[in-house]
């Protein structure tokens, strides 16, 4: 994933670290899909320590692009399609999370382990 999200600096400030440290901490974490919902293909990933919980945005966005990697509370998630959303956007991925032509259509299911591999420079 690219750590290039519009809320990366806000998350870094909340965590008390530099933006590149958010990328390092997030990419070093092994996540697990706790459950799926919100939209087809959206997995709620757990794994970050509690001290890295972040609040939802005070004002949700009317449109979050597909592939946006986001944080809210104890969860990390990847938006499978464009939709409204109030999570903190820290980056993007080209992974296709929902493809009705694929079997199974959802890339993620409960129990799936997930690692985010950084590409490019933070903020690039």
PDB file of N, CA and C in Angstrom:
ATOM      1  N   UNK A   1       0.828  -1.181   0.000  1.00  0.00           N
ATOM      2  CA  UNK A   1       0.000   0.000   0.000  1.00  0.00           C
ATOM      3  C   UNK A   1       0.871   1.242   0.000  1.00  0.00           C
ATOM      4  N   UNK A   2       0.288   2.339  -0.433  1.00  0.00           N
ATOM      5  CA  UNK A   2       0.955   3.641  -0.367  1.00  0.00           C
ATOM      6  C   UNK A   2       0.411   4.373   0.858  1.00  0.00           C
ATOM      7  N   UNK A   3       1.295   4.802   1.713  1.00  0.00           N
ATOM      8  CA  UNK A   3       0.902   5.603   2.870  1.00  0.00           C
ATOM      9  C   UNK A   3       0.832   7.057   2.419  1.00  0.00           C
ATOM     10  N   UNK A   4      -0.293   7.396   1.785  1.00  0.00           N
ATOM     11  CA  UNK A   4      -0.465   8.701   1.156  1.00  0.00           C
ATOM     12  C   UNK A   4      -1.827   9.313   1.467  1.00  0.00           C
ATOM     13  N   UNK A   5      -2.472   8.854   2.523  1.00  0.00           N
ATOM     14  CA  UNK A   5      -3.826   9.308   2.831  1.00  0.00           C
ATOM     15  C   UNK A   5      -3.897  10.724   3.370  1.00  0.00           C
ATOM     16  N   UNK A   6      -5.015  11.391   3.135  1.00  0.00           N
ATOM     17  CA  UNK A   6      -5.173  12.771   3.589  1.00  0.00           C
ATOM     18  C   UNK A   6      -5.203  12.938   5.104  1.00  0.00           C
ATOM     19  N   UNK A   7      -5.437  11.857   5.854  1.00  0.00           N
ATOM     20  CA  UNK A   7      -5.480  11.947   7.315  1.00  0.00           C
ATOM     21  C   UNK A   7      -4.222  11.403   7.979  1.00  0.00           C
ATOM     22  N   UNK A   8      -3.210  11.063   7.185  1.00  0.00           N
ATOM     23  CA  UNK A   8      -1.982  10.474   7.733  1.00  0.00           C
ATOM     24  C   UNK A   8      -1.343  11.391   8.784  1.00  0.00           C
ATOM     25  N   UNK A   9      -1.251  12.678   8.498  1.00  0.00           N
ATOM     26  CA  UNK A   9      -0.631  13.614   9.448  1.00  0.00           C
ATOM     27  C   UNK A   9      -1.460  13.725  10.726  1.00  0.00           C
ATOM     28  N   UNK A  10      -2.783  13.694  10.610  1.00  0.00           N
ATOM     29  CA  UNK A  10      -3.637  13.758  11.799  1.00  0.00           C
ATOM     30  C   UNK A  10      -3.478  12.512  12.661  1.00  0.00           C
ATOM     31  N   UNK A  11      -3.397  11.348  12.015  1.00  0.00           N
ATOM     32  CA  UNK A  11      -3.185  10.105  12.762  1.00  0.00           C
ATOM     33  C   UNK A  11      -1.822  10.152  13.448  1.00  0.00           C
ATOM     34  N   UNK A  12      -0.808  10.612  12.738  1.00  0.00           N
ATOM     35  CA  UNK A  12       0.536  10.727  13.323  1.00  0.00           C
ATOM     36  C   UNK A  12       0.501  11.633  14.553  1.00  0.00           C
ATOM     37  N   UNK A  13      -0.172  12.764  14.466  1.00  0.00           N
ATOM     38  CA  UNK A  13      -0.273  13.684  15.604  1.00  0.00           C
ATOM     39  C   UNK A  13      -1.002  13.017  16.766  1.00  0.00           C
ATOM     40  N   UNK A  14      -2.065  12.289  16.461  1.00  0.00           N
ATOM     41  CA  UNK A  14      -2.828  11.595  17.510  1.00  0.00           C
ATOM     42  C   UNK A  14      -1.962  10.549  18.212  1.00  0.00           C
ATOM     43  N   UNK A  15      -1.126   9.861  17.427  1.00  0.00           N
ATOM     44  CA  UNK A  15      -0.240   8.838  17.982  1.00  0.00           C
ATOM     45  C   UNK A  15       0.998   9.446  18.624  1.00  0.00           C
ATOM     46  N   UNK A  16       1.291  10.708  18.314  1.00  0.00           N
ATOM     47  CA  UNK A  16       2.498  11.345  18.844  1.00  0.00           C
ATOM     48  C   UNK A  16       3.763  10.897  18.142  1.00  0.00           C
ATOM     49  N   UNK A  17       3.645  10.609  16.836  1.00  0.00           N
ATOM     50  CA  UNK A  17       4.793  10.156  16.045  1.00  0.00           C
ATOM     51  C   UNK A  17       4.803  10.901  14.711  1.00  0.00           C
ATOM     52  N   UNK A  18       5.873  10.738  13.958  1.00  0.00           N
ATOM     53  CA  UNK A  18       5.962  11.299  12.605  1.00  0.00           C
ATOM     54  C   UNK A  18       5.160  10.414  11.644  1.00  0.00           C
ATOM     55  N   UNK A  19       4.705  10.977  10.507  1.00  0.00           N
ATOM     56  CA  UNK A  19       3.950  10.168   9.538  1.00  0.00           C
ATOM     57  C   UNK A  19       4.669   8.889   9.091  1.00  0.00           C
ATOM     58  N   UNK A  20       5.991   8.947   8.909  1.00  0.00           N
ATOM     59  CA  UNK A  20       6.690   7.727   8.485  1.00  0.00           C
ATOM     60  C   UNK A  20       6.633   6.647   9.568  1.00  0.00           C
ATOM     61  N   UNK A  21       6.474   7.056  10.829  1.00  0.00           N
ATOM     62  CA  UNK A  21       6.339   6.080  11.921  1.00  0.00           C
ATOM     63  C   UNK A  21       4.972   5.407  11.890  1.00  0.00           C
ATOM     64  N   UNK A  22       3.932   6.148  11.476  1.00  0.00           N
ATOM     65  CA  UNK A  22       2.618   5.520  11.306  1.00  0.00           C
ATOM     66  C   UNK A  22       2.749   4.393  10.288  1.00  0.00           C
ATOM     67  N   UNK A  23       3.413   4.692   9.178  1.00  0.00           N
ATOM     68  CA  UNK A  23       3.613   3.673   8.136  1.00  0.00           C
ATOM     69  C   UNK A  23       4.400   2.488   8.685  1.00  0.00           C
ATOM     70  N   UNK A  24       5.465   2.751   9.417  1.00  0.00           N
ATOM     71  CA  UNK A  24       6.291   1.670   9.959  1.00  0.00           C
ATOM     72  C   UNK A  24       5.492   0.797  10.923  1.00  0.00           C
ATOM     73  N   UNK A  25       4.772   1.434  11.841  1.00  0.00           N
ATOM     74  CA  UNK A  25       3.991   0.698  12.847  1.00  0.00           C
ATOM     75  C   UNK A  25       2.888  -0.111  12.170  1.00  0.00           C
ATOM     76  N   UNK A  26       2.172   0.525  11.264  1.00  0.00           N
ATOM     77  CA  UNK A  26       1.054  -0.137  10.589  1.00  0.00           C
ATOM     78  C   UNK A  26       1.551  -1.316   9.751  1.00  0.00           C
ATOM     79  N   UNK A  27       2.622  -1.106   8.995  1.00  0.00           N
ATOM     80  CA  UNK A  27       3.151  -2.164   8.129  1.00  0.00           C
ATOM     81  C   UNK A  27       3.787  -3.305   8.926  1.00  0.00           C
ATOM     82  N   UNK A  28       4.218  -3.049  10.145  1.00  0.00           N
ATOM     83  CA  UNK A  28       4.834  -4.083  10.977  1.00  0.00           C
ATOM     84  C   UNK A  28       3.794  -4.956  11.685  1.00  0.00           C
ATOM     85  N   UNK A  29       2.535  -4.594  11.575  1.00  0.00           N
ATOM     86  CA  UNK A  29       1.463  -5.287  12.282  1.00  0.00           C
ATOM     87  C   UNK A  29       0.880  -6.406  11.425  1.00  0.00           C
ATOM     88  N   UNK A  30       0.673  -7.560  12.028  1.00  0.00           N
ATOM     89  CA  UNK A  30      -0.084  -8.616  11.363  1.00  0.00           C
ATOM     90  C   UNK A  30      -1.529  -8.474  11.812  1.00  0.00           C
ATOM     91  N   UNK A  31      -2.404  -8.224  10.850  1.00  0.00           N
ATOM     92  CA  UNK A  31      -3.820  -8.035  11.130  1.00  0.00           C
ATOM     93  C   UNK A  31      -4.577  -9.330  10.916  1.00  0.00           C
ATOM     94  N   UNK A  32      -5.758  -9.392  11.507  1.00  0.00           N
ATOM     95  CA  UNK A  32      -6.659 -10.514  11.309  1.00  0.00           C
ATOM     96  C   UNK A  32      -8.054  -9.940  11.067  1.00  0.00           C
ATOM     97  N   UNK A  33      -8.767 -10.509  10.104  1.00  0.00           N
ATOM     98  CA  UNK A  33     -10.128 -10.058   9.835  1.00  0.00           C
ATOM     99  C   UNK A  33     -11.027 -10.579  10.958  1.00  0.00           C
ATOM    100  N   UNK A  34     -11.574  -9.645  11.757  1.00  0.00           N
ATOM    101  CA  UNK A  34     -12.448 -10.025  12.864  1.00  0.00           C
ATOM    102  C   UNK A  34     -13.849 -10.353  12.350  1.00  0.00           C
ATOM    103  N   UNK A  35     -14.355  -9.508  11.459  1.00  0.00           N
ATOM    104  CA  UNK A  35     -15.668  -9.730  10.860  1.00  0.00           C
ATOM    105  C   UNK A  35     -15.773  -8.874   9.612  1.00  0.00           C
ATOM    106  N   UNK A  36     -16.801  -9.116   8.819  1.00  0.00           N
ATOM    107  CA  UNK A  36     -17.013  -8.374   7.570  1.00  0.00           C
ATOM    108  C   UNK A  36     -18.363  -7.684   7.639  1.00  0.00           C
ATOM    109  N   UNK A  37     -18.479  -6.584   6.943  1.00  0.00           N
ATOM    110  CA  UNK A  37     -19.747  -5.866   6.923  1.00  0.00           C
ATOM    111  C   UNK A  37     -19.585  -4.508   6.298  1.00  0.00           C
ATOM    112  N   UNK A  38     -20.547  -3.626   6.543  1.00  0.00           N
ATOM    113  CA  UNK A  38     -20.604  -2.262   6.025  1.00  0.00           C
ATOM    114  C   UNK A  38     -20.847  -2.256   4.527  1.00  0.00           C
ATOM    115  N   UNK A  39     -20.020  -2.941   3.768  1.00  0.00           N
ATOM    116  CA  UNK A  39     -20.160  -3.066   2.321  1.00  0.00           C
ATOM    117  C   UNK A  39     -19.593  -4.423   1.927  1.00  0.00           C
ATOM    118  N   UNK A  40     -20.065  -5.014   0.827  1.00  0.00           N
ATOM    119  CA  UNK A  40     -19.493  -6.291   0.392  1.00  0.00           C
ATOM    120  C   UNK A  40     -17.978  -6.185   0.206  1.00  0.00           C
ATOM    121  N   UNK A  41     -17.254  -7.064   0.878  1.00  0.00           N
ATOM    122  CA  UNK A  41     -15.804  -7.083   0.773  1.00  0.00           C
ATOM    123  C   UNK A  41     -15.075  -6.286   1.835  1.00  0.00           C
ATOM    124  N   UNK A  42     -15.805  -5.547   2.686  1.00  0.00           N
ATOM    125  CA  UNK A  42     -15.161  -4.737   3.720  1.00  0.00           C
ATOM    126  C   UNK A  42     -14.892  -5.600   4.944  1.00  0.00           C
ATOM    127  N   UNK A  43     -13.619  -5.728   5.310  1.00  0.00           N
ATOM    128  CA  UNK A  43     -13.230  -6.479   6.495  1.00  0.00           C
ATOM    129  C   UNK A  43     -12.782  -5.547   7.607  1.00  0.00           C
ATOM    130  N   UNK A  44     -13.202  -5.833   8.813  1.00  0.00           N
ATOM    131  CA  UNK A  44     -12.749  -5.101   9.995  1.00  0.00           C
ATOM    132  C   UNK A  44     -11.529  -5.836  10.527  1.00  0.00           C
ATOM    133  N   UNK A  45     -10.350  -5.233  10.354  1.00  0.00           N
ATOM    134  CA  UNK A  45      -9.096  -5.880  10.720  1.00  0.00           C
ATOM    135  C   UNK A  45      -8.636  -5.420  12.101  1.00  0.00           C
ATOM    136  N   UNK A  46      -8.249  -6.379  12.925  1.00  0.00           N
ATOM    137  CA  UNK A  46      -7.719  -6.083  14.246  1.00  0.00           C
ATOM    138  C   UNK A  46      -6.241  -6.443  14.278  1.00  0.00           C
ATOM    139  N   UNK A  47      -5.524  -5.861  15.233  1.00  0.00           N
ATOM    140  CA  UNK A  47      -4.112  -6.194  15.400  1.00  0.00           C
ATOM    141  C   UNK A  47      -3.293  -5.066  15.975  1.00  0.00           C
ATOM    142  N   UNK A  48      -3.689  -3.823  15.721  1.00  0.00           N
ATOM    143  CA  UNK A  48      -2.936  -2.708  16.301  1.00  0.00           C
ATOM    144  C   UNK A  48      -3.176  -2.662  17.811  1.00  0.00           C
ATOM    145  N   UNK A  49      -2.146  -2.391  18.596  1.00  0.00           N
ATOM    146  CA  UNK A  49      -2.348  -2.244  20.039  1.00  0.00           C
ATOM    147  C   UNK A  49      -3.340  -1.116  20.341  1.00  0.00           C
ATOM    148  N   UNK A  50      -4.015  -1.222  21.468  1.00  0.00           N
ATOM    149  CA  UNK A  50      -5.057  -0.266  21.865  1.00  0.00           C
ATOM    150  C   UNK A  50      -4.581   1.185  21.862  1.00  0.00           C
ATOM    151  N   UNK A  51      -3.310   1.427  22.160  1.00  0.00           N
ATOM    152  CA  UNK A  51      -2.815   2.810  22.206  1.00  0.00           C
ATOM    153  C   UNK A  51      -2.871   3.486  20.840  1.00  0.00           C
ATOM    154  N   UNK A  52      -3.075   2.703  19.767  1.00  0.00           N
ATOM    155  CA  UNK A  52      -3.159   3.270  18.424  1.00  0.00           C
ATOM    156  C   UNK A  52      -4.601   3.434  17.928  1.00  0.00           C
ATOM    157  N   UNK A  53      -5.574   3.251  18.811  1.00  0.00           N
ATOM    158  CA  UNK A  53      -6.961   3.529  18.432  1.00  0.00           C
ATOM    159  C   UNK A  53      -7.071   4.996  18.019  1.00  0.00           C
ATOM    160  N   UNK A  54      -7.866   5.271  17.009  1.00  0.00           N
ATOM    161  CA  UNK A  54      -8.115   6.652  16.590  1.00  0.00           C
ATOM    162  C   UNK A  54      -9.613   6.871  16.472  1.00  0.00           C
ATOM    163  N   UNK A  55     -10.067   8.099  16.748  1.00  0.00           N
ATOM    164  CA  UNK A  55     -11.497   8.379  16.610  1.00  0.00           C
ATOM    165  C   UNK A  55     -11.903   8.482  15.142  1.00  0.00           C
ATOM    166  N   UNK A  56     -13.167   8.257  14.905  1.00  0.00           N
ATOM    167  CA  UNK A  56     -13.707   8.527  13.572  1.00  0.00           C
ATOM    168  C   UNK A  56     -13.631  10.026  13.326  1.00  0.00           C
ATOM    169  N   UNK A  57     -13.694  10.432  12.078  1.00  0.00           N
ATOM    170  CA  UNK A  57     -13.696  11.851  11.733  1.00  0.00           C
ATOM    171  C   UNK A  57     -14.958  12.510  12.290  1.00  0.00           C
ATOM    172  N   UNK A  58     -14.837  13.769  12.708  1.00  0.00           N
ATOM    173  CA  UNK A  58     -15.993  14.508  13.210  1.00  0.00           C
ATOM    174  C   UNK A  58     -17.047  14.675  12.117  1.00  0.00           C
ATOM    175  N   UNK A  59     -16.585  14.862  10.883  1.00  0.00           N
ATOM    176  CA  UNK A  59     -17.480  15.001   9.732  1.00  0.00           C
ATOM    177  C   UNK A  59     -17.105  13.942   8.695  1.00  0.00           C
ATOM    178  N   UNK A  60     -17.991  12.970   8.461  1.00  0.00           N
ATOM    179  CA  UNK A  60     -17.683  11.950   7.448  1.00  0.00           C
ATOM    180  C   UNK A  60     -17.571  12.556   6.052  1.00  0.00           C
ATOM    181  N   UNK A  61     -16.795  11.897   5.217  1.00  0.00           N
ATOM    182  CA  UNK A  61     -16.690  12.284   3.811  1.00  0.00           C
ATOM    183  C   UNK A  61     -17.888  11.727   3.055  1.00  0.00           C
ATOM    184  N   UNK A  62     -18.327  12.452   2.042  1.00  0.00           N
ATOM    185  CA  UNK A  62     -19.441  11.955   1.230  1.00  0.00           C
ATOM    186  C   UNK A  62     -18.979  10.876   0.272  1.00  0.00           C
ATOM    187  N   UNK A  63     -17.668  10.861  -0.065  1.00  0.00           N
ATOM    188  CA  UNK A  63     -17.143   9.837  -0.969  1.00  0.00           C
ATOM    189  C   UNK A  63     -15.707   9.500  -0.594  1.00  0.00           C
ATOM    190  N   UNK A  64     -15.491   8.236  -0.291  1.00  0.00           N
ATOM    191  CA  UNK A  64     -14.155   7.695  -0.045  1.00  0.00           C
ATOM    192  C   UNK A  64     -13.867   6.761  -1.217  1.00  0.00           C
ATOM    193  N   UNK A  65     -12.709   6.887  -1.860  1.00  0.00           N
ATOM    194  CA  UNK A  65     -12.447   6.059  -3.036  1.00  0.00           C
ATOM    195  C   UNK A  65     -12.191   4.589  -2.692  1.00  0.00           C
ATOM    196  N   UNK A  66     -12.496   3.727  -3.638  1.00  0.00           N
ATOM    197  CA  UNK A  66     -12.166   2.307  -3.496  1.00  0.00           C
ATOM    198  C   UNK A  66     -10.661   2.184  -3.296  1.00  0.00           C
ATOM    199  N   UNK A  67     -10.263   1.289  -2.405  1.00  0.00           N
ATOM    200  CA  UNK A  67      -8.847   1.066  -2.136  1.00  0.00           C
ATOM    201  C   UNK A  67      -8.284   1.933  -1.033  1.00  0.00           C
ATOM    202  N   UNK A  68      -9.089   2.826  -0.464  1.00  0.00           N
ATOM    203  CA  UNK A  68      -8.615   3.657   0.642  1.00  0.00           C
ATOM    204  C   UNK A  68      -8.423   2.782   1.881  1.00  0.00           C
ATOM    205  N   UNK A  69      -7.258   2.907   2.511  1.00  0.00           N
ATOM    206  CA  UNK A  69      -6.952   2.175   3.741  1.00  0.00           C
ATOM    207  C   UNK A  69      -7.199   3.151   4.889  1.00  0.00           C
ATOM    208  N   UNK A  70      -7.982   2.711   5.864  1.00  0.00           N
ATOM    209  CA  UNK A  70      -8.465   3.632   6.881  1.00  0.00           C
ATOM    210  C   UNK A  70      -8.429   3.018   8.281  1.00  0.00           C
ATOM    211  N   UNK A  71      -8.438   3.903   9.271  1.00  0.00           N
ATOM    212  CA  UNK A  71      -8.457   3.509  10.680  1.00  0.00           C
ATOM    213  C   UNK A  71      -9.654   4.146  11.374  1.00  0.00           C
ATOM    214  N   UNK A  72     -10.242   3.421  12.315  1.00  0.00           N
ATOM    215  CA  UNK A  72     -11.289   3.953  13.197  1.00  0.00           C
ATOM    216  C   UNK A  72     -11.352   3.065  14.422  1.00  0.00           C
ATOM    217  N   UNK A  73     -11.277   3.695  15.596  1.00  0.00           N
ATOM    218  CA  UNK A  73     -11.266   2.903  16.821  1.00  0.00           C
ATOM    219  C   UNK A  73     -10.119   1.914  16.762  1.00  0.00           C
ATOM    220  N   UNK A  74     -10.385   0.639  17.066  1.00  0.00           N
ATOM    221  CA  UNK A  74      -9.323  -0.372  17.025  1.00  0.00           C
ATOM    222  C   UNK A  74      -9.132  -1.036  15.660  1.00  0.00           C
ATOM    223  N   UNK A  75      -9.877  -0.586  14.651  1.00  0.00           N
ATOM    224  CA  UNK A  75      -9.911  -1.290  13.373  1.00  0.00           C
ATOM    225  C   UNK A  75      -9.139  -0.596  12.253  1.00  0.00           C
ATOM    226  N   UNK A  76      -8.647  -1.428  11.338  1.00  0.00           N
ATOM    227  CA  UNK A  76      -8.161  -1.000  10.036  1.00  0.00           C
ATOM    228  C   UNK A  76      -9.119  -1.593   9.022  1.00  0.00           C
ATOM    229  N   UNK A  77      -9.402  -0.855   7.971  1.00  0.00           N
ATOM    230  CA  UNK A  77     -10.269  -1.360   6.916  1.00  0.00           C
ATOM    231  C   UNK A  77      -9.836  -0.816   5.571  1.00  0.00           C
ATOM    232  N   UNK A  78     -10.255  -1.488   4.522  1.00  0.00           N
ATOM    233  CA  UNK A  78      -9.994  -1.043   3.153  1.00  0.00           C
ATOM    234  C   UNK A  78     -11.345  -0.928   2.463  1.00  0.00           C
ATOM    235  N   UNK A  79     -11.637   0.259   1.960  1.00  0.00           N
ATOM    236  CA  UNK A  79     -12.902   0.475   1.271  1.00  0.00           C
ATOM    237  C   UNK A  79     -12.903  -0.305  -0.048  1.00  0.00           C
ATOM    238  N   UNK A  80     -13.853  -1.247  -0.218  1.00  0.00           N
ATOM    239  CA  UNK A  80     -13.878  -2.066  -1.426  1.00  0.00           C
ATOM    240  C   UNK A  80     -14.454  -1.341  -2.644  1.00  0.00           C
ATOM    241  N   UNK A  81     -15.180  -0.282  -2.410  1.00  0.00           N
ATOM    242  CA  UNK A  81     -15.758   0.531  -3.481  1.00  0.00           C
ATOM    243  C   UNK A  81     -15.941   1.944  -2.943  1.00  0.00           C
ATOM    244  N   UNK A  82     -16.177   2.874  -3.818  1.00  0.00           N
ATOM    245  CA  UNK A  82     -16.411   4.249  -3.392  1.00  0.00           C
ATOM    246  C   UNK A  82     -17.699   4.303  -2.578  1.00  0.00           C
ATOM    247  N   UNK A  83     -17.627   4.977  -1.433  1.00  0.00           N
ATOM    248  CA  UNK A  83     -18.795   5.100  -0.568  1.00  0.00           C
ATOM    249  C   UNK A  83     -18.537   6.226   0.432  1.00  0.00           C
ATOM    250  N   UNK A  84     -19.587   6.687   1.098  1.00  0.00           N
ATOM    251  CA  UNK A  84     -19.360   7.634   2.191  1.00  0.00           C
ATOM    252  C   UNK A  84     -18.583   6.933   3.298  1.00  0.00           C
ATOM    253  N   UNK A  85     -17.892   7.712   4.131  1.00  0.00           N
ATOM    254  CA  UNK A  85     -17.169   7.097   5.239  1.00  0.00           C
ATOM    255  C   UNK A  85     -16.579   8.112   6.189  1.00  0.00           C
ATOM    256  N   UNK A  86     -16.451   7.712   7.428  1.00  0.00           N
ATOM    257  CA  UNK A  86     -15.940   8.603   8.457  1.00  0.00           C
ATOM    258  C   UNK A  86     -14.642   8.148   9.088  1.00  0.00           C
ATOM    259  N   UNK A  87     -13.968   7.185   8.456  1.00  0.00           N
ATOM    260  CA  UNK A  87     -12.721   6.688   9.021  1.00  0.00           C
ATOM    261  C   UNK A  87     -11.563   7.587   8.603  1.00  0.00           C
ATOM    262  N   UNK A  88     -10.451   7.480   9.326  1.00  0.00           N
ATOM    263  CA  UNK A  88      -9.239   8.261   9.040  1.00  0.00           C
ATOM    264  C   UNK A  88      -8.476   7.572   7.909  1.00  0.00           C
ATOM    265  N   UNK A  89      -8.282   8.260   6.788  1.00  0.00           N
ATOM    266  CA  UNK A  89      -7.642   7.675   5.606  1.00  0.00           C
ATOM    267  C   UNK A  89      -6.129   7.844   5.687  1.00  0.00           C
ATOM    268  N   UNK A  90      -5.419   6.705   5.760  1.00  0.00           N
ATOM    269  CA  UNK A  90      -3.955   6.769   5.878  1.00  0.00           C
ATOM    270  C   UNK A  90      -3.226   6.334   4.613  1.00  0.00           C
ATOM    271  N   UNK A  91      -3.947   5.760   3.648  1.00  0.00           N
ATOM    272  CA  UNK A  91      -3.258   5.318   2.437  1.00  0.00           C
ATOM    273  C   UNK A  91      -4.193   4.695   1.435  1.00  0.00           C
ATOM    274  N   UNK A  92      -3.571   4.072   0.425  1.00  0.00           N
ATOM    275  CA  UNK A  92      -4.328   3.441  -0.646  1.00  0.00           C
ATOM    276  C   UNK A  92      -3.682   2.119  -1.058  1.00  0.00           C
ATOM    277  N   UNK A  93      -4.507   1.248  -1.591  1.00  0.00           N
ATOM    278  CA  UNK A  93      -4.038  -0.019  -2.131  1.00  0.00           C
ATOM    279  C   UNK A  93      -4.751  -0.289  -3.454  1.00  0.00           C
ATOM    280  N   UNK A  94      -4.099  -1.063  -4.291  1.00  0.00           N
ATOM    281  CA  UNK A  94      -4.718  -1.464  -5.553  1.00  0.00           C
ATOM    282  C   UNK A  94      -5.378  -2.830  -5.439  1.00  0.00           C
ATOM    283  N   UNK A  95      -5.326  -3.439  -4.256  1.00  0.00           N
ATOM    284  CA  UNK A  95      -5.961  -4.746  -4.068  1.00  0.00           C
ATOM    285  C   UNK A  95      -7.463  -4.631  -4.332  1.00  0.00           C
ATOM    286  N   UNK A  96      -8.001  -5.600  -5.057  1.00  0.00           N
ATOM    287  CA  UNK A  96      -9.439  -5.631  -5.338  1.00  0.00           C
ATOM    288  C   UNK A  96     -10.091  -6.498  -4.267  1.00  0.00           C
ATOM    289  N   UNK A  97     -10.873  -5.871  -3.399  1.00  0.00           N
ATOM    290  CA  UNK A  97     -11.454  -6.594  -2.267  1.00  0.00           C
ATOM    291  C   UNK A  97     -12.755  -7.301  -2.604  1.00  0.00           C
ATOM    292  N   UNK A  98     -13.456  -6.818  -3.624  1.00  0.00           N
ATOM    293  CA  UNK A  98     -14.715  -7.453  -4.015  1.00  0.00           C
ATOM    294  C   UNK A  98     -14.775  -7.517  -5.522  1.00  0.00           C
ATOM    295  N   UNK A  99     -14.926  -8.726  -6.035  1.00  0.00           N
ATOM    296  CA  UNK A  99     -15.029  -8.934  -7.478  1.00  0.00           C
ATOM    297  C   UNK A  99     -16.067 -10.033  -7.688  1.00  0.00           C
ATOM    298  N   UNK A 100     -17.252  -9.653  -8.159  1.00  0.00           N
ATOM    299  CA  UNK A 100     -18.344 -10.620  -8.303  1.00  0.00           C
ATOM    300  C   UNK A 100     -18.000 -11.747  -9.280  1.00  0.00           C
ATOM    301  N   UNK A 101     -16.989 -11.541 -10.137  1.00  0.00           N
ATOM    302  CA  UNK A 101     -16.585 -12.589 -11.085  1.00  0.00           C
ATOM    303  C   UNK A 101     -15.595 -13.579 -10.466  1.00  0.00           C
ATOM    304  N   UNK A 102     -15.089 -13.265  -9.271  1.00  0.00           N
ATOM    305  CA  UNK A 102     -14.108 -14.124  -8.596  1.00  0.00           C
ATOM    306  C   UNK A 102     -14.851 -15.061  -7.640  1.00  0.00           C
ATOM    307  N   UNK A 103     -14.293 -16.242  -7.419  1.00  0.00           N
ATOM    308  CA  UNK A 103     -14.866 -17.186  -6.454  1.00  0.00           C
ATOM    309  C   UNK A 103     -13.809 -17.490  -5.410  1.00  0.00           C
ATOM    310  N   UNK A 104     -14.048 -17.112  -4.150  1.00  0.00           N
ATOM    311  CA  UNK A 104     -15.170 -16.305  -3.689  1.00  0.00           C
ATOM    312  C   UNK A 104     -15.002 -14.834  -4.097  1.00  0.00           C
ATOM    313  N   UNK A 105     -16.105 -14.116  -4.117  1.00  0.00           N
ATOM    314  CA  UNK A 105     -16.091 -12.711  -4.560  1.00  0.00           C
ATOM    315  C   UNK A 105     -15.300 -11.823  -3.605  1.00  0.00           C
ATOM    316  N   UNK A 106     -15.342 -12.144  -2.315  1.00  0.00           N
ATOM    317  CA  UNK A 106     -14.641 -11.346  -1.304  1.00  0.00           C
ATOM    318  C   UNK A 106     -13.210 -11.850  -1.133  1.00  0.00           C
ATOM    319  N   UNK A 107     -12.257 -10.927  -1.166  1.00  0.00           N
ATOM    320  CA  UNK A 107     -10.856 -11.277  -0.935  1.00  0.00           C
ATOM    321  C   UNK A 107     -10.634 -11.639   0.528  1.00  0.00           C
ATOM    322  N   UNK A 108     -11.354 -10.959   1.439  1.00  0.00           N
ATOM    323  CA  UNK A 108     -11.184 -11.162   2.874  1.00  0.00           C
ATOM    324  C   UNK A 108     -12.380 -11.885   3.476  1.00  0.00           C
ATOM    325  N   UNK A 109     -12.101 -12.730   4.457  1.00  0.00           N
ATOM    326  CA  UNK A 109     -13.144 -13.393   5.234  1.00  0.00           C
ATOM    327  C   UNK A 109     -12.652 -13.478   6.672  1.00  0.00           C
ATOM    328  N   UNK A 110     -13.567 -13.652   7.636  1.00  0.00           N
ATOM    329  CA  UNK A 110     -13.139 -13.727   9.030  1.00  0.00           C
ATOM    330  C   UNK A 110     -12.015 -14.742   9.223  1.00  0.00           C
ATOM    331  N   UNK A 111     -11.004 -14.308   9.952  1.00  0.00           N
ATOM    332  CA  UNK A 111      -9.847 -15.157  10.232  1.00  0.00           C
ATOM    333  C   UNK A 111      -8.683 -14.962   9.283  1.00  0.00           C
ATOM    334  N   UNK A 112      -8.923 -14.317   8.128  1.00  0.00           N
ATOM    335  CA  UNK A 112      -7.842 -14.079   7.167  1.00  0.00           C
ATOM    336  C   UNK A 112      -6.788 -13.191   7.816  1.00  0.00           C
ATOM    337  N   UNK A 113      -5.517 -13.556   7.638  1.00  0.00           N
ATOM    338  CA  UNK A 113      -4.412 -12.715   8.121  1.00  0.00           C
ATOM    339  C   UNK A 113      -3.997 -11.768   7.008  1.00  0.00           C
ATOM    340  N   UNK A 114      -3.701 -10.531   7.388  1.00  0.00           N
ATOM    341  CA  UNK A 114      -3.388  -9.483   6.414  1.00  0.00           C
ATOM    342  C   UNK A 114      -2.152  -8.724   6.860  1.00  0.00           C
ATOM    343  N   UNK A 115      -1.241  -8.478   5.919  1.00  0.00           N
ATOM    344  CA  UNK A 115      -0.083  -7.592   6.130  1.00  0.00           C
ATOM    345  C   UNK A 115      -0.120  -6.532   5.050  1.00  0.00           C
ATOM    346  N   UNK A 116       0.196  -5.305   5.416  1.00  0.00           N
ATOM    347  CA  UNK A 116       0.279  -4.207   4.464  1.00  0.00           C
ATOM    348  C   UNK A 116       1.746  -3.984   4.151  1.00  0.00           C
ATOM    349  N   UNK A 117       2.080  -4.025   2.867  1.00  0.00           N
ATOM    350  CA  UNK A 117       3.462  -3.851   2.432  1.00  0.00           C
ATOM    351  C   UNK A 117       3.577  -2.465   1.799  1.00  0.00           C
ATOM    352  N   UNK A 118       4.418  -1.595   2.376  1.00  0.00           N
ATOM    353  CA  UNK A 118       4.539  -0.247   1.836  1.00  0.00           C
ATOM    354  C   UNK A 118       5.240  -0.212   0.477  1.00  0.00           C
ATOM    355  N   UNK A 119       4.732   0.635  -0.411  1.00  0.00           N
ATOM    356  CA  UNK A 119       5.379   0.907  -1.690  1.00  0.00           C
ATOM    357  C   UNK A 119       5.516   2.423  -1.810  1.00  0.00           C
ATOM    358  N   UNK A 120       6.619   2.881  -2.343  1.00  0.00           N
ATOM    359  CA  UNK A 120       6.836   4.313  -2.467  1.00  0.00           C
ATOM    360  C   UNK A 120       7.153   4.957  -1.128  1.00  0.00           C
ATOM    361  N   UNK A 121       7.416   6.227  -1.179  1.00  0.00           N
ATOM    362  CA  UNK A 121       7.744   6.980   0.028  1.00  0.00           C
ATOM    363  C   UNK A 121       6.481   7.402   0.749  1.00  0.00           C
ATOM    364  N   UNK A 122       6.550   7.551   2.062  1.00  0.00           N
ATOM    365  CA  UNK A 122       5.419   8.021   2.838  1.00  0.00           C
ATOM    366  C   UNK A 122       5.064   9.418   2.377  1.00  0.00           C
ATOM    367  N   UNK A 123       3.783   9.633   2.108  1.00  0.00           N
ATOM    368  CA  UNK A 123       3.320  10.927   1.646  1.00  0.00           C
ATOM    369  C   UNK A 123       3.522  11.140   0.165  1.00  0.00           C
ATOM    370  N   UNK A 124       4.037  10.135  -0.559  1.00  0.00           N
ATOM    371  CA  UNK A 124       4.274  10.286  -1.995  1.00  0.00           C
ATOM    372  C   UNK A 124       3.019   9.981  -2.792  1.00  0.00           C
TER     373      UNK A 124
END
